[in-house]
């Protein structure tokens, strides 16, 4: 085999390598679309020990939900200060989600706030999602903000809404403002679920495959210069 033929074969092999790597990454991009944390799903609660679920006064002010190796920790508070026991309510469509045990309907009213701690998601490069609220009935409203003071609703990127039995809102957080605070200025509401978009791992894999392919393509050129 001539030198030119050998170099051409190496180039073809390198191009094929990059093509196959891209094909392997493409399904990963499609499959990593969303992860859903269901705050009414007792099986997702991985702590603290002794958290009673569902429809039971848990006597716990915190609950950690784990899904696909990621976690969100919910904490209940009185707006006047101090912790408030959480309650997982499962009373059918529009009345299912995470609320406060002491509230008459086991939901979140103006005297309570639930903070969602997003630190674990932030550490994995996840900083946005969609928060679903339930039981937002006529005359009731919600307020959702980002912040970093536990027990506070927060003051960053606040969103408010009213009516409409179920509402979905886009949320963002960061390493600085890692808490999502939820309260109800009027009436009472429930936290239903949070949908988190996670494309980062596949993106990194694609970059790595491309860089490796470029390294292979350059090798024949170095070999040619050495042969002169």
Protein backbone atom coordinates (compact mmCIF):
# COMPACT_ATOMS: atom_id res chain seq x y z
CA UNK A 1 0.00 0.00 0.00
CA UNK A 2 1.35 3.45 -0.95
CA UNK A 3 1.93 6.20 1.60
CA UNK A 4 -0.89 8.32 0.11
CA UNK A 5 -3.33 5.38 0.27
CA UNK A 6 -2.46 4.76 3.93
CA UNK A 7 -3.00 8.42 4.81
CA UNK A 8 -6.36 8.46 2.99
CA UNK A 9 -7.50 5.34 4.87
CA UNK A 10 -6.65 6.96 8.22
CA UNK A 11 -8.62 10.07 7.26
CA UNK A 12 -11.69 8.01 6.30
CA UNK A 13 -11.47 6.07 9.57
CA UNK A 14 -11.28 9.32 11.56
CA UNK A 15 -14.31 10.78 9.80
CA UNK A 16 -16.27 7.56 10.41
CA UNK A 17 -15.34 7.72 14.11
CA UNK A 18 -16.75 11.24 14.45
CA UNK A 19 -19.95 10.23 12.63
CA UNK A 20 -20.58 7.17 14.82
CA UNK A 21 -19.88 9.17 18.01
CA UNK A 22 -22.46 11.77 16.99
CA UNK A 23 -25.05 9.05 16.33
CA UNK A 24 -24.45 7.54 19.76
CA UNK A 25 -24.91 10.92 21.45
CA UNK A 26 -28.09 11.85 19.57
CA UNK A 27 -30.32 9.33 21.43
CA UNK A 28 -28.91 10.60 24.73
CA UNK A 29 -29.99 14.13 23.84
CA UNK A 30 -33.50 12.89 23.14
CA UNK A 31 -33.80 10.74 26.26
CA UNK A 32 -32.53 13.41 28.68
CA UNK A 33 -35.43 15.79 28.00
CA UNK A 34 -37.17 16.04 31.40
CA UNK A 35 -37.12 14.76 34.95
CA UNK A 36 -40.37 15.11 36.91
CA UNK A 37 -40.41 15.52 40.68
CA UNK A 38 -43.94 14.63 41.88
CA UNK A 39 -44.46 16.18 45.32
CA UNK A 40 -47.53 13.98 45.89
CA UNK A 41 -45.59 10.75 45.26
CA UNK A 42 -44.66 9.24 48.64
CA UNK A 43 -42.18 6.85 47.00
CA UNK A 44 -39.96 9.80 45.99
CA UNK A 45 -39.52 10.97 49.60
CA UNK A 46 -36.12 9.71 50.75
CA UNK A 47 -35.85 11.63 54.01
CA UNK A 48 -36.04 12.42 56.80
CA UNK A 49 -36.69 9.04 58.50
CA UNK A 50 -40.21 8.79 59.87
CA UNK A 51 -41.91 11.08 57.34
CA UNK A 52 -45.52 9.82 57.18
CA UNK A 53 -47.20 9.88 53.77
CA UNK A 54 -49.84 10.48 52.50
CA UNK A 55 -52.64 12.42 54.22
CA UNK A 56 -50.99 12.26 57.63
CA UNK A 57 -49.57 14.92 59.92
CA UNK A 58 -45.93 14.00 59.43
CA UNK A 59 -44.60 16.16 62.30
CA UNK A 60 -41.70 16.87 59.92
CA UNK A 61 -40.88 20.32 58.59
CA UNK A 62 -38.67 19.00 55.79
CA UNK A 63 -38.88 16.38 53.03
CA UNK A 64 -36.30 15.39 50.43
CA UNK A 65 -37.56 14.15 47.07
CA UNK A 66 -35.17 12.07 44.95
CA UNK A 67 -35.57 11.24 41.27
CA UNK A 68 -32.98 9.80 38.85
CA UNK A 69 -30.16 10.52 41.29
CA UNK A 70 -31.18 14.19 41.69
CA UNK A 71 -32.92 15.73 44.70
CA UNK A 72 -35.01 18.68 45.87
CA UNK A 73 -35.58 19.41 49.56
CA UNK A 74 -38.83 21.10 50.65
CA UNK A 75 -39.00 23.02 53.94
CA UNK A 76 -42.14 24.38 55.62
CA UNK A 77 -42.21 27.64 57.60
CA UNK A 78 -44.55 30.04 59.38
CA UNK A 79 -44.21 33.46 57.77
CA UNK A 80 -43.88 34.87 61.31
CA UNK A 81 -40.91 32.57 61.94
CA UNK A 82 -40.26 28.94 62.86
CA UNK A 83 -40.85 25.67 61.05
CA UNK A 84 -44.20 24.27 59.89
CA UNK A 85 -44.94 20.57 59.42
CA UNK A 86 -45.41 19.45 55.81
CA UNK A 87 -48.38 17.45 54.53
CA UNK A 88 -48.71 15.35 51.37
CA UNK A 89 -52.32 15.70 50.22
CA UNK A 90 -53.90 13.14 47.89
CA UNK A 91 -57.56 14.11 47.52
CA UNK A 92 -58.00 13.65 43.79
CA UNK A 93 -57.68 15.88 40.74
CA UNK A 94 -56.86 19.49 41.60
CA UNK A 95 -56.40 18.65 45.29
CA UNK A 96 -53.13 16.71 45.22
CA UNK A 97 -49.70 17.97 46.20
CA UNK A 98 -47.50 19.28 49.01
CA UNK A 99 -48.94 21.59 51.65
CA UNK A 100 -48.85 22.47 55.35
CA UNK A 101 -50.27 20.10 58.00
CA UNK A 102 -51.66 22.78 60.33
CA UNK A 103 -53.60 24.64 57.60
CA UNK A 104 -57.33 23.81 57.63
CA UNK A 105 -57.20 22.28 54.12
CA UNK A 106 -53.58 21.12 54.47
CA UNK A 107 -52.46 23.60 51.84
CA UNK A 108 -50.34 26.80 51.76
CA UNK A 109 -52.07 30.00 52.89
CA UNK A 110 -50.84 33.57 53.65
CA UNK A 111 -49.41 32.46 57.00
CA UNK A 112 -47.09 29.81 55.57
CA UNK A 113 -44.36 29.41 52.97
CA UNK A 114 -42.66 26.36 51.50
CA UNK A 115 -39.11 26.74 50.24
CA UNK A 116 -37.73 24.35 47.63
CA UNK A 117 -33.96 24.02 48.01
CA UNK A 118 -32.40 23.56 44.54
CA UNK A 119 -28.76 23.23 45.65
CA UNK A 120 -28.41 19.64 44.42
CA UNK A 121 -29.80 20.51 40.98
CA UNK A 122 -27.53 23.54 40.71
CA UNK A 123 -24.50 21.34 41.43
CA UNK A 124 -25.48 19.29 38.35
CA UNK A 125 -25.82 22.35 36.12
CA UNK A 126 -29.64 22.45 36.26
CA UNK A 127 -30.95 25.97 36.88
CA UNK A 128 -34.43 26.08 35.33
CA UNK A 129 -37.71 24.18 35.28
CA UNK A 130 -41.49 24.41 35.38
CA UNK A 131 -43.41 24.54 38.66
CA UNK A 132 -46.98 23.23 38.69
CA UNK A 133 -49.46 24.49 41.30
CA UNK A 134 -52.86 22.96 42.12
CA UNK A 135 -56.02 24.00 43.95
CA UNK A 136 -55.70 27.62 42.78
CA UNK A 137 -59.43 28.26 42.89
CA UNK A 138 -61.53 31.36 42.29
CA UNK A 139 -60.50 34.12 44.69
CA UNK A 140 -57.20 32.40 45.51
CA UNK A 141 -53.71 33.43 44.43
CA UNK A 142 -50.08 32.35 44.64
CA UNK A 143 -46.70 34.06 44.82
CA UNK A 144 -43.47 32.34 43.73
CA UNK A 145 -40.04 33.96 44.07
CA UNK A 146 -36.36 33.08 44.06
CA UNK A 147 -34.17 33.85 47.05
CA UNK A 148 -31.55 32.66 49.52
CA UNK A 149 -33.08 33.32 52.97
CA UNK A 150 -34.75 30.18 54.44
CA UNK A 151 -38.33 30.81 55.55
CA UNK A 152 -38.71 33.77 53.21
CA UNK A 153 -40.69 33.85 49.97
CA UNK A 154 -37.78 35.67 48.33
CA UNK A 155 -37.65 38.84 46.26
CA UNK A 156 -36.08 37.80 42.94
CA UNK A 157 -38.11 37.19 39.75
CA UNK A 158 -41.42 37.00 41.63
CA UNK A 159 -44.45 35.67 39.79
CA UNK A 160 -48.07 35.90 40.90
CA UNK A 161 -51.30 34.43 39.61
CA UNK A 162 -54.87 33.66 40.59
CA UNK A 163 -57.75 31.37 39.66
CA UNK A 164 -57.34 28.56 37.14
CA UNK A 165 -57.39 25.27 39.05
CA UNK A 166 -53.89 24.28 37.87
CA UNK A 167 -51.18 26.76 36.92
CA UNK A 168 -47.69 26.13 35.47
CA UNK A 169 -44.94 28.74 35.67
CA UNK A 170 -41.34 28.82 34.46
CA UNK A 171 -38.81 29.12 37.29
CA UNK A 172 -35.08 29.76 37.45
CA UNK A 173 -32.54 29.57 40.25
CA UNK A 174 -28.80 29.92 40.79
CA UNK A 175 -26.04 29.18 43.28
CA UNK A 176 -26.76 32.59 44.84
CA UNK A 177 -30.57 32.38 44.83
CA UNK A 178 -31.05 28.65 45.31
CA UNK A 179 -34.45 28.69 47.04
CA UNK A 180 -37.86 28.75 45.33
CA UNK A 181 -40.38 30.19 47.81
CA UNK A 182 -44.12 29.53 47.44
CA UNK A 183 -46.94 31.16 49.39
CA UNK A 184 -50.58 32.15 48.85
CA UNK A 185 -51.41 35.85 49.38
CA UNK A 186 -55.11 34.89 49.30
CA UNK A 187 -56.80 31.52 49.83
CA UNK A 188 -54.64 28.39 49.74
CA UNK A 189 -52.72 26.40 47.10
CA UNK A 190 -50.73 23.17 46.68
CA UNK A 191 -47.35 22.40 45.11
CA UNK A 192 -47.97 19.66 42.54
CA UNK A 193 -44.77 18.94 40.62
CA UNK A 194 -41.64 20.46 39.10
CA UNK A 195 -40.36 19.55 35.63
CA UNK A 196 -36.62 20.03 35.15
CA UNK A 197 -34.87 20.20 31.76
CA UNK A 198 -31.42 18.51 31.71
CA UNK A 199 -29.56 18.57 28.37
CA UNK A 200 -26.07 19.20 29.75
CA UNK A 201 -24.54 15.67 30.01
CA UNK A 202 -25.21 14.80 26.37
CA UNK A 203 -23.91 18.17 25.23
CA UNK A 204 -20.62 17.58 27.03
CA UNK A 205 -20.35 14.08 25.53
CA UNK A 206 -20.86 15.46 22.01
CA UNK A 207 -18.12 18.05 22.55
CA UNK A 208 -15.74 15.36 23.78
CA UNK A 209 -16.40 13.12 20.78
CA UNK A 210 -15.81 16.01 18.37
CA UNK A 211 -12.52 16.94 20.02
CA UNK A 212 -11.29 13.34 19.85
CA UNK A 213 -12.19 13.15 16.17
CA UNK A 214 -10.28 16.33 15.39
CA UNK A 215 -7.20 14.84 17.05
CA UNK A 216 -7.39 11.76 14.83
CA UNK A 217 -7.78 13.81 11.66
CA UNK A 218 -4.67 15.81 12.45
CA UNK A 219 -2.43 12.78 12.93
CA UNK A 220 -1.96 11.90 9.21
CA UNK A 221 -0.87 15.50 8.56
CA UNK A 222 1.86 15.23 11.20
CA UNK A 223 2.87 11.85 9.73
CA UNK A 224 3.13 13.37 6.23
CA UNK A 225 5.43 16.16 7.40
CA UNK A 226 7.70 13.64 9.14
CA UNK A 227 7.96 11.53 5.96
CA UNK A 228 9.28 14.40 3.80
